[in-house]
Amino acid sequence: MAKTSRAGAHAHSRHRVPTGDGWPITLHEYGDPDDTRVPVLLCHGACSNHRIYDLGGGVGLAPYLSRDGRRIFCVDLRGRGDSFPESR
């Protein structure tokens, strides 16, 4: 799984999980990566992306939950948000 940091953003890091057909699935990670509790996975609906959970400026469900130290993953499903092939 590729990992890139997102300096200046509320997300701790972004993970691009490769798929066999070139359409990666992207996970945005928030919170403490050393948290030992079960992580929370937030999955958007059909016509949205991970930004539905992070409205910017520390506002949104993902930043709210991560302030408690929880490890949060917001997924961008295929063809949404950051889940597009590099050569699009």
N, C-alpha and C. Protein backbone atom coordinates (compact mmCIF):
# COMPACT_ATOMS: atom_id res chain seq x y z
N MET A 1 0.85 -1.16 0.00
CA MET A 1 0.00 0.00 0.00
C MET A 1 0.90 1.23 0.00
N ALA A 2 0.72 2.12 -0.95
CA ALA A 2 1.50 3.34 -1.02
C ALA A 2 1.00 4.33 0.02
N LYS A 3 1.92 5.06 0.63
CA LYS A 3 1.53 6.01 1.67
C LYS A 3 2.21 7.34 1.37
N THR A 4 1.43 8.39 1.36
CA THR A 4 1.98 9.73 1.18
C THR A 4 1.41 10.62 2.24
N SER A 5 2.24 11.50 2.80
CA SER A 5 1.73 12.39 3.84
C SER A 5 1.01 13.56 3.19
N ARG A 6 0.14 14.19 3.95
CA ARG A 6 -0.62 15.34 3.46
C ARG A 6 -0.36 16.50 4.39
N ALA A 7 0.80 17.09 4.25
CA ALA A 7 1.16 18.21 5.10
C ALA A 7 0.17 19.35 4.93
N GLY A 8 -0.23 19.95 6.03
CA GLY A 8 -1.14 21.08 5.99
C GLY A 8 -2.60 20.69 5.93
N ALA A 9 -2.90 19.44 5.69
CA ALA A 9 -4.29 18.99 5.66
C ALA A 9 -4.62 18.36 6.99
N HIS A 10 -5.90 18.08 7.21
CA HIS A 10 -6.31 17.45 8.46
C HIS A 10 -6.09 15.95 8.41
N ALA A 11 -5.91 15.40 7.24
CA ALA A 11 -5.63 13.97 7.13
C ALA A 11 -4.19 13.72 7.50
N HIS A 12 -3.94 12.66 8.24
CA HIS A 12 -2.58 12.29 8.59
C HIS A 12 -1.84 11.79 7.36
N SER A 13 -2.48 10.95 6.59
CA SER A 13 -1.83 10.41 5.40
C SER A 13 -2.87 9.87 4.42
N ARG A 14 -2.39 9.62 3.22
CA ARG A 14 -3.23 9.07 2.17
C ARG A 14 -2.60 7.77 1.69
N HIS A 15 -3.42 6.74 1.57
CA HIS A 15 -2.96 5.42 1.12
C HIS A 15 -3.66 5.10 -0.19
N ARG A 16 -2.88 4.78 -1.22
CA ARG A 16 -3.46 4.35 -2.50
C ARG A 16 -3.22 2.85 -2.63
N VAL A 17 -4.30 2.09 -2.63
CA VAL A 17 -4.24 0.64 -2.72
C VAL A 17 -4.41 0.25 -4.18
N PRO A 18 -3.39 -0.35 -4.80
CA PRO A 18 -3.49 -0.69 -6.22
C PRO A 18 -4.48 -1.83 -6.47
N THR A 19 -5.12 -1.78 -7.61
CA THR A 19 -5.99 -2.86 -8.06
C THR A 19 -5.44 -3.40 -9.37
N GLY A 20 -5.86 -4.58 -9.75
CA GLY A 20 -5.35 -5.23 -10.95
C GLY A 20 -5.62 -4.49 -12.24
N ASP A 21 -6.68 -3.71 -12.28
CA ASP A 21 -7.02 -3.02 -13.52
C ASP A 21 -6.59 -1.56 -13.55
N GLY A 22 -5.78 -1.12 -12.57
CA GLY A 22 -5.24 0.22 -12.60
C GLY A 22 -6.07 1.29 -11.94
N TRP A 23 -7.20 0.94 -11.36
CA TRP A 23 -8.04 1.90 -10.65
C TRP A 23 -7.77 1.75 -9.15
N PRO A 24 -6.90 2.58 -8.58
CA PRO A 24 -6.58 2.44 -7.16
C PRO A 24 -7.77 2.84 -6.28
N ILE A 25 -7.79 2.31 -5.10
CA ILE A 25 -8.73 2.72 -4.07
C ILE A 25 -7.92 3.54 -3.07
N THR A 26 -8.41 4.72 -2.71
CA THR A 26 -7.67 5.60 -1.83
C THR A 26 -8.33 5.66 -0.46
N LEU A 27 -7.49 5.53 0.57
CA LEU A 27 -7.92 5.67 1.96
C LEU A 27 -7.24 6.89 2.55
N HIS A 28 -8.00 7.75 3.20
CA HIS A 28 -7.46 8.91 3.89
C HIS A 28 -7.48 8.59 5.37
N GLU A 29 -6.31 8.65 6.00
CA GLU A 29 -6.17 8.27 7.40
C GLU A 29 -6.08 9.50 8.29
N TYR A 30 -6.85 9.51 9.34
CA TYR A 30 -6.88 10.60 10.33
C TYR A 30 -6.57 10.01 11.69
N GLY A 31 -6.12 10.86 12.59
CA GLY A 31 -5.94 10.45 13.97
C GLY A 31 -4.60 9.83 14.24
N ASP A 32 -4.53 9.12 15.36
CA ASP A 32 -3.29 8.55 15.86
C ASP A 32 -3.04 7.17 15.26
N PRO A 33 -1.99 7.01 14.44
CA PRO A 33 -1.72 5.70 13.84
C PRO A 33 -1.32 4.64 14.87
N ASP A 34 -0.98 5.07 16.08
CA ASP A 34 -0.60 4.12 17.13
C ASP A 34 -1.77 3.74 18.03
N ASP A 35 -2.96 4.27 17.76
CA ASP A 35 -4.14 3.93 18.56
C ASP A 35 -4.42 2.44 18.44
N THR A 36 -4.60 1.77 19.56
CA THR A 36 -4.81 0.32 19.56
C THR A 36 -6.28 -0.09 19.49
N ARG A 37 -7.18 0.89 19.54
CA ARG A 37 -8.60 0.57 19.42
C ARG A 37 -8.92 0.20 17.97
N VAL A 38 -10.05 -0.44 17.78
CA VAL A 38 -10.49 -0.79 16.42
C VAL A 38 -10.68 0.49 15.63
N PRO A 39 -10.05 0.61 14.44
CA PRO A 39 -10.22 1.84 13.65
C PRO A 39 -11.64 1.97 13.12
N VAL A 40 -11.99 3.20 12.77
CA VAL A 40 -13.30 3.50 12.21
C VAL A 40 -13.15 3.69 10.70
N LEU A 41 -14.01 3.05 9.92
CA LEU A 41 -14.02 3.20 8.47
C LEU A 41 -15.27 3.98 8.07
N LEU A 42 -15.07 5.12 7.41
CA LEU A 42 -16.18 5.94 6.91
C LEU A 42 -16.24 5.78 5.41
N CYS A 43 -17.40 5.41 4.89
CA CYS A 43 -17.57 5.14 3.46
C CYS A 43 -18.70 6.02 2.92
N HIS A 44 -18.39 6.81 1.91
CA HIS A 44 -19.35 7.74 1.32
C HIS A 44 -20.40 7.01 0.47
N GLY A 45 -21.42 7.75 0.06
CA GLY A 45 -22.45 7.21 -0.81
C GLY A 45 -22.05 7.25 -2.28
N ALA A 46 -22.97 6.91 -3.14
CA ALA A 46 -22.69 6.71 -4.57
C ALA A 46 -22.17 7.96 -5.28
N CYS A 47 -22.61 9.12 -4.93
CA CYS A 47 -22.25 10.33 -5.69
C CYS A 47 -21.42 11.30 -4.86
N SER A 48 -20.55 10.78 -4.00
CA SER A 48 -19.77 11.63 -3.12
C SER A 48 -18.32 11.15 -3.08
N ASN A 49 -17.55 11.61 -2.10
CA ASN A 49 -16.19 11.16 -1.87
C ASN A 49 -15.83 11.39 -0.40
N HIS A 50 -14.57 11.18 -0.04
CA HIS A 50 -14.17 11.28 1.37
C HIS A 50 -14.41 12.66 1.95
N ARG A 51 -14.50 13.68 1.12
CA ARG A 51 -14.65 15.05 1.63
C ARG A 51 -15.99 15.27 2.34
N ILE A 52 -16.92 14.38 2.17
CA ILE A 52 -18.19 14.49 2.89
C ILE A 52 -17.95 14.38 4.41
N TYR A 53 -16.83 13.76 4.78
CA TYR A 53 -16.47 13.59 6.19
C TYR A 53 -15.41 14.57 6.67
N ASP A 54 -14.88 15.41 5.78
CA ASP A 54 -13.91 16.44 6.15
C ASP A 54 -14.20 17.68 5.32
N LEU A 55 -14.85 18.64 5.93
CA LEU A 55 -15.27 19.85 5.23
C LEU A 55 -14.20 20.93 5.21
N GLY A 56 -13.04 20.62 5.78
CA GLY A 56 -11.94 21.58 5.84
C GLY A 56 -11.96 22.38 7.13
N GLY A 57 -10.82 22.89 7.51
CA GLY A 57 -10.74 23.71 8.71
C GLY A 57 -11.02 22.95 10.00
N GLY A 58 -10.85 21.64 9.99
CA GLY A 58 -11.10 20.85 11.19
C GLY A 58 -12.57 20.53 11.42
N VAL A 59 -13.41 20.83 10.43
CA VAL A 59 -14.85 20.59 10.54
C VAL A 59 -15.20 19.31 9.80
N GLY A 60 -16.01 18.48 10.41
CA GLY A 60 -16.46 17.24 9.79
C GLY A 60 -16.32 16.07 10.74
N LEU A 61 -16.93 14.97 10.37
CA LEU A 61 -16.94 13.79 11.24
C LEU A 61 -15.55 13.20 11.43
N ALA A 62 -14.75 13.11 10.37
CA ALA A 62 -13.40 12.52 10.50
C ALA A 62 -12.52 13.33 11.45
N PRO A 63 -12.39 14.65 11.28
CA PRO A 63 -11.59 15.42 12.24
C PRO A 63 -12.17 15.36 13.66
N TYR A 64 -13.48 15.38 13.77
CA TYR A 64 -14.12 15.32 15.09
C TYR A 64 -13.74 14.03 15.82
N LEU A 65 -13.88 12.89 15.15
CA LEU A 65 -13.56 11.62 15.78
C LEU A 65 -12.07 11.49 16.05
N SER A 66 -11.23 12.03 15.16
CA SER A 66 -9.79 11.91 15.35
C SER A 66 -9.28 12.75 16.53
N ARG A 67 -10.00 13.80 16.90
CA ARG A 67 -9.59 14.61 18.05
C ARG A 67 -9.64 13.79 19.34
N ASP A 68 -10.39 12.72 19.35
CA ASP A 68 -10.44 11.81 20.50
C ASP A 68 -9.29 10.80 20.43
N GLY A 69 -8.44 10.93 19.42
CA GLY A 69 -7.33 10.00 19.26
C GLY A 69 -7.67 8.77 18.45
N ARG A 70 -8.92 8.66 18.01
CA ARG A 70 -9.32 7.50 17.22
C ARG A 70 -8.62 7.49 15.88
N ARG A 71 -8.34 6.32 15.37
CA ARG A 71 -7.78 6.16 14.03
C ARG A 71 -8.94 6.01 13.06
N ILE A 72 -9.03 6.91 12.09
CA ILE A 72 -10.15 6.98 11.17
C ILE A 72 -9.63 6.78 9.75
N PHE A 73 -10.35 5.98 8.97
CA PHE A 73 -10.08 5.84 7.54
C PHE A 73 -11.32 6.25 6.77
N CYS A 74 -11.15 7.18 5.83
CA CYS A 74 -12.22 7.57 4.91
C CYS A 74 -11.83 7.03 3.54
N VAL A 75 -12.71 6.27 2.94
CA VAL A 75 -12.41 5.65 1.65
C VAL A 75 -12.96 6.50 0.52
N ASP A 76 -12.21 6.56 -0.57
CA ASP A 76 -12.72 7.08 -1.84
C ASP A 76 -12.95 5.85 -2.72
N LEU A 77 -14.19 5.55 -2.98
CA LEU A 77 -14.50 4.39 -3.82
C LEU A 77 -14.08 4.66 -5.26
N ARG A 78 -14.02 3.62 -6.05
CA ARG A 78 -13.58 3.69 -7.45
C ARG A 78 -14.28 4.82 -8.21
N GLY A 79 -13.47 5.66 -8.84
CA GLY A 79 -14.00 6.74 -9.65
C GLY A 79 -14.48 7.96 -8.88
N ARG A 80 -14.17 8.02 -7.59
CA ARG A 80 -14.58 9.15 -6.75
C ARG A 80 -13.37 9.72 -6.04
N GLY A 81 -13.38 11.02 -5.79
CA GLY A 81 -12.30 11.66 -5.04
C GLY A 81 -10.94 11.39 -5.65
N ASP A 82 -10.06 10.76 -4.88
CA ASP A 82 -8.69 10.46 -5.32
C ASP A 82 -8.54 9.05 -5.89
N SER A 83 -9.61 8.35 -6.13
CA SER A 83 -9.54 6.96 -6.61
C SER A 83 -9.70 6.89 -8.13
N PHE A 84 -8.76 7.50 -8.83
CA PHE A 84 -8.68 7.47 -10.28
C PHE A 84 -7.29 6.99 -10.68
N PRO A 85 -7.14 6.37 -11.83
CA PRO A 85 -5.79 6.01 -12.28
C PRO A 85 -4.94 7.26 -12.46
N GLU A 86 -3.63 7.11 -12.34
CA GLU A 86 -2.70 8.24 -12.48
C GLU A 86 -2.82 8.92 -13.84
N SER A 87 -3.11 8.17 -14.88
CA SER A 87 -3.11 8.70 -16.25
C SER A 87 -4.49 9.11 -16.74
N ARG A 88 -5.26 9.75 -15.92
CA ARG A 88 -6.62 10.13 -16.34
C ARG A 88 -6.68 11.45 -17.00
